[in-house]
Amino acid sequence: FLTAAVFLVHPVQTQAVACVSGISNLLFVCLGLCAFLLYIKSRYVWSLAVFGLSLLAKEQALIFPLLLAWFELCFGSSVGKRKAAARVGGWFAVAAAYLVLKQSLATAQPLISGNFFNGDFWLRAAHIPHIVLHNLSLIVFPRGLHYFHSIDVLTPAMSWLLAFVALIIVGIILYRRCSVRMRRLIIFGAGWFLLSQALTINILPLIWEYSTISVAEHFLYLPMIGIVLPLAVALT
């Protein structure tokens, strides 16, 4: 209940909920989490079907197979490693089928073209720590919220990398002071927070205007779960 309450009332969620065009975020997360729950409840075929609906709601749902794999790595499975790997593989198969279907029906360019790893890519990659820290700051200190945030990839990135490394070191120190039960939740939450941003962190450029990239607040709707889950458990 506490996890849900923090998730629902946090100010950074405003953009995903209040923006009419943002309904796709609510829908794909709702369907994806329902599919996740069905998987945990051993309703495997239903979980694949609902995951497929989540993909149709918004392509960002492609990240759910990775989150499911991370869940299995963190908490294990009662069905055995091989069977768990096969079950997670089914989710990846649904995701692959969606991409093949999309490419066959649409006239869109391939996700990764021949010149993908060009200078722009390395500029975006260098600013991943900047984007992650920016997103984390919006959750911890939700000030200055507005519709469009952007980061200029031509600005120096080294200071952000050093800050990110410092944050990891602090996190490790705090992690070592936690109970075994909390450690697993912290690892799972941190992995969820980072993995769920993989498709919105501008490795594949979402909005490119001159040298700026988009870091919209509604991208945090799903990653927010990785923050509030261990926090809520720690407070109970």
Protein backbone atom coordinates (compact mmCIF):
# COMPACT_ATOMS: atom_id res chain seq x y z
CA PHE A 1 0.00 0.00 0.00
CA LEU A 2 2.80 2.39 0.92
CA THR A 3 4.64 1.61 -2.33
CA ALA A 4 1.51 2.30 -4.37
CA ALA A 5 0.80 5.51 -2.45
CA VAL A 6 4.28 6.95 -3.02
CA PHE A 7 4.18 5.90 -6.67
CA LEU A 8 0.79 7.54 -7.24
CA VAL A 9 1.26 10.87 -5.46
CA HIS A 10 4.86 11.65 -6.39
CA PRO A 11 4.98 15.00 -8.27
CA VAL A 12 7.19 13.68 -11.09
CA GLN A 13 4.30 11.44 -12.21
CA THR A 14 2.19 14.47 -13.13
CA GLN A 15 3.29 14.61 -16.76
CA ALA A 16 2.49 10.96 -17.45
CA VAL A 17 -0.98 11.29 -15.89
CA ALA A 18 -2.08 14.81 -16.81
CA CYS A 19 -0.93 14.90 -20.45
CA VAL A 20 -3.66 13.47 -22.72
CA SER A 21 -1.12 11.99 -25.12
CA GLY A 22 0.58 10.34 -22.16
CA ILE A 23 -2.21 7.80 -21.72
CA SER A 24 -0.03 5.31 -23.61
CA ASN A 25 2.41 5.39 -20.67
CA LEU A 26 -0.33 4.52 -18.20
CA LEU A 27 -1.66 1.77 -20.44
CA PHE A 28 1.58 0.01 -21.33
CA VAL A 29 2.81 0.07 -17.71
CA CYS A 30 -0.52 -1.22 -16.40
CA LEU A 31 -0.63 -4.06 -18.96
CA GLY A 32 3.07 -4.83 -18.52
CA LEU A 33 2.77 -5.09 -14.75
CA CYS A 34 -0.35 -7.23 -15.11
CA ALA A 35 1.62 -9.53 -17.42
CA PHE A 36 4.43 -9.54 -14.86
CA LEU A 37 1.99 -10.54 -12.12
CA LEU A 38 0.45 -13.27 -14.29
CA TYR A 39 3.95 -14.64 -14.87
CA ILE A 40 4.63 -14.75 -11.14
CA LYS A 41 1.23 -16.41 -10.56
CA SER A 42 2.17 -19.10 -13.12
CA ARG A 43 -0.42 -17.97 -15.66
CA TYR A 44 2.23 -18.13 -18.34
CA VAL A 45 0.18 -18.11 -21.55
CA TRP A 46 -1.95 -15.27 -20.24
CA SER A 47 1.20 -13.34 -19.31
CA LEU A 48 2.44 -13.60 -22.91
CA ALA A 49 -0.91 -12.42 -24.26
CA VAL A 50 -1.12 -9.42 -21.93
CA PHE A 51 2.52 -8.56 -22.64
CA GLY A 52 1.62 -8.50 -26.33
CA LEU A 53 -1.16 -6.02 -25.56
CA SER A 54 1.34 -3.90 -23.65
CA LEU A 55 3.56 -3.78 -26.74
CA LEU A 56 0.59 -2.61 -28.81
CA ALA A 57 -0.08 0.14 -26.28
CA LYS A 58 3.48 1.51 -26.50
CA GLU A 59 6.70 0.15 -27.92
CA GLN A 60 8.56 1.05 -24.74
CA ALA A 61 7.09 -2.18 -23.33
CA LEU A 62 9.96 -3.96 -25.11
CA ILE A 63 11.90 -3.46 -21.90
CA PHE A 64 9.71 -5.85 -19.89
CA PRO A 65 11.52 -9.07 -20.95
CA LEU A 66 14.76 -7.58 -19.60
CA LEU A 67 13.02 -6.64 -16.36
CA LEU A 68 11.61 -10.15 -16.10
CA ALA A 69 15.07 -11.65 -16.65
CA TRP A 70 16.42 -9.35 -13.94
CA PHE A 71 13.64 -10.47 -11.59
CA GLU A 72 14.61 -14.12 -12.14
CA LEU A 73 18.29 -13.35 -11.53
CA CYS A 74 17.53 -11.50 -8.29
CA PHE A 75 14.92 -13.78 -6.76
CA GLY A 76 15.38 -17.10 -8.53
CA SER A 77 12.60 -19.44 -9.58
CA SER A 78 11.00 -22.50 -8.08
CA VAL A 79 10.77 -24.16 -11.52
CA GLY A 80 14.53 -24.44 -12.08
CA LYS A 81 16.99 -22.32 -14.01
CA ARG A 82 16.50 -23.96 -17.41
CA LYS A 83 12.73 -23.77 -17.30
CA ALA A 84 12.85 -20.20 -16.03
CA ALA A 85 15.21 -19.27 -18.89
CA ALA A 86 12.81 -20.86 -21.39
CA ARG A 87 9.85 -19.00 -19.89
CA VAL A 88 11.67 -15.66 -20.01
CA GLY A 89 12.74 -16.56 -23.55
CA GLY A 90 9.07 -16.72 -24.49
CA TRP A 91 8.72 -13.03 -23.61
CA PHE A 92 11.73 -12.20 -25.77
CA ALA A 93 10.14 -14.22 -28.58
CA VAL A 94 6.93 -12.16 -28.33
CA ALA A 95 9.01 -8.96 -28.41
CA ALA A 96 10.94 -10.20 -31.47
CA ALA A 97 7.69 -11.16 -33.21
CA TYR A 98 6.34 -7.67 -32.57
CA LEU A 99 9.43 -6.04 -34.09
CA VAL A 100 9.29 -8.30 -37.16
CA LEU A 101 5.58 -7.58 -37.62
CA LYS A 102 6.13 -3.84 -37.23
CA GLN A 103 8.97 -3.82 -39.74
CA SER A 104 6.95 -5.81 -42.27
CA LEU A 105 3.88 -3.57 -42.02
CA ALA A 106 5.50 -0.17 -41.61
CA THR A 107 7.79 1.91 -43.78
CA ALA A 108 9.92 2.96 -40.82
CA GLN A 109 13.70 2.82 -41.03
CA PRO A 110 15.49 -0.02 -39.19
CA LEU A 111 16.14 0.64 -35.52
CA ILE A 112 19.88 0.31 -36.06
CA SER A 113 21.22 1.52 -39.38
CA GLY A 114 24.65 1.05 -40.87
CA ASN A 115 25.91 4.37 -39.52
CA PHE A 116 24.41 3.91 -36.05
CA PHE A 117 27.76 3.97 -34.23
CA ASN A 118 28.73 7.41 -35.46
CA GLY A 119 29.89 10.51 -33.59
CA ASP A 120 26.38 11.31 -32.39
CA PHE A 121 26.08 7.89 -30.75
CA TRP A 122 29.24 8.35 -28.70
CA LEU A 123 28.14 11.81 -27.62
CA ARG A 124 24.82 10.38 -26.41
CA ALA A 125 26.53 7.44 -24.71
CA ALA A 126 28.92 9.75 -22.86
CA HIS A 127 25.95 11.58 -21.35
CA ILE A 128 24.18 8.49 -20.00
CA PRO A 129 25.44 9.22 -16.43
CA HIS A 130 24.16 12.79 -16.88
CA ILE A 131 20.70 11.55 -17.91
CA VAL A 132 20.51 9.00 -15.07
CA LEU A 133 21.53 11.57 -12.46
CA HIS A 134 19.10 14.10 -13.91
CA ASN A 135 16.26 11.59 -13.69
CA LEU A 136 17.22 10.56 -10.18
CA SER A 137 17.34 14.20 -9.08
CA LEU A 138 13.79 14.73 -10.37
CA ILE A 139 12.63 11.87 -8.14
CA VAL A 140 14.57 12.89 -5.02
CA PHE A 141 14.08 16.65 -5.46
CA PRO A 142 11.03 17.15 -7.73
CA ARG A 143 11.59 20.83 -8.48
CA GLY A 144 11.37 22.71 -11.76
CA LEU A 145 9.02 20.17 -13.31
CA HIS A 146 7.85 21.07 -16.80
CA TYR A 147 6.90 19.45 -20.08
CA PHE A 148 10.24 19.47 -21.86
CA HIS A 149 13.64 18.77 -20.34
CA SER A 150 16.67 18.55 -22.58
CA ILE A 151 20.39 17.90 -22.30
CA ASP A 152 23.01 19.34 -24.62
CA VAL A 153 25.39 16.51 -25.53
CA LEU A 154 28.07 18.98 -26.59
CA THR A 155 28.62 20.02 -22.96
CA PRO A 156 31.46 18.29 -21.03
CA ALA A 157 30.40 14.93 -19.63
CA MET A 158 33.36 14.07 -17.37
CA SER A 159 31.99 15.83 -14.27
CA TRP A 160 28.76 13.85 -14.57
CA LEU A 161 30.68 10.60 -14.93
CA LEU A 162 32.66 11.37 -11.76
CA ALA A 163 29.44 12.25 -9.90
CA PHE A 164 27.88 8.99 -11.08
CA VAL A 165 30.89 6.99 -9.85
CA ALA A 166 30.73 8.82 -6.50
CA LEU A 167 27.03 7.95 -6.22
CA ILE A 168 27.81 4.28 -6.87
CA ILE A 169 30.47 4.31 -4.15
CA VAL A 170 28.05 5.88 -1.66
CA GLY A 171 25.44 3.33 -2.69
CA ILE A 172 27.84 0.45 -2.06
CA ILE A 173 28.66 1.82 1.41
CA LEU A 174 24.97 2.09 2.31
CA TYR A 175 24.30 -1.32 0.75
CA ARG A 176 26.84 -3.00 3.02
CA ARG A 177 25.04 -1.57 6.06
CA CYS A 178 21.68 -3.09 5.09
CA SER A 179 20.22 -6.44 6.07
CA VAL A 180 20.43 -9.37 3.65
CA ARG A 181 16.71 -9.02 2.88
CA MET A 182 17.08 -5.35 1.99
CA ARG A 183 20.20 -5.94 -0.07
CA ARG A 184 18.32 -8.10 -2.55
CA LEU A 185 15.55 -5.53 -2.85
CA ILE A 186 18.05 -2.71 -3.31
CA ILE A 187 19.85 -4.59 -6.09
CA PHE A 188 16.53 -5.41 -7.75
CA GLY A 189 15.29 -1.82 -7.42
CA ALA A 190 18.52 -0.31 -8.77
CA GLY A 191 18.50 -2.71 -11.70
CA TRP A 192 14.85 -1.98 -12.42
CA PHE A 193 15.50 1.78 -12.33
CA LEU A 194 18.42 1.55 -14.76
CA LEU A 195 17.08 -1.15 -17.11
CA SER A 196 13.65 0.45 -17.49
CA GLN A 197 15.36 3.58 -18.85
CA ALA A 198 17.29 1.67 -21.51
CA LEU A 199 14.91 2.61 -24.34
CA THR A 200 14.48 6.23 -23.24
CA ILE A 201 18.07 7.12 -22.46
CA ASN A 202 18.75 8.22 -26.05
CA ILE A 203 21.02 5.40 -27.18
CA LEU A 204 18.35 5.34 -29.87
CA PRO A 205 17.73 9.10 -30.29
CA LEU A 206 14.16 9.98 -29.36
CA ILE A 207 14.25 13.70 -30.11
CA TRP A 208 17.28 15.32 -31.67
CA GLU A 209 17.25 19.08 -32.13
CA TYR A 210 20.70 20.37 -32.96
CA SER A 211 22.72 18.99 -30.03
CA THR A 212 19.92 18.51 -27.47
CA ILE A 213 18.25 15.25 -26.50
CA SER A 214 14.96 14.71 -24.73
CA VAL A 215 14.74 13.59 -21.09
CA ALA A 216 10.99 13.90 -20.58
CA GLU A 217 9.51 13.32 -17.13
CA HIS A 218 6.95 10.77 -18.34
CA PHE A 219 9.88 8.45 -19.13
CA LEU A 220 10.15 7.96 -15.35
CA TYR A 221 6.71 6.43 -14.91
CA LEU A 222 8.04 2.86 -15.07
CA PRO A 223 11.53 3.42 -13.55
CA MET A 224 9.90 5.03 -10.50
CA ILE A 225 8.92 1.56 -9.29
CA GLY A 226 12.57 0.65 -8.78
CA ILE A 227 12.94 3.57 -6.35
CA VAL A 228 9.76 3.31 -4.32
CA LEU A 229 9.74 -0.47 -3.83
CA PRO A 230 12.87 -0.84 -1.66
CA LEU A 231 12.14 2.52 0.00
CA ALA A 232 8.66 1.45 1.07
CA VAL A 233 9.89 -1.92 2.32
CA ALA A 234 12.62 -0.19 4.34
CA LEU A 235 10.01 2.00 6.05
CA THR A 236 7.77 -0.91 7.07
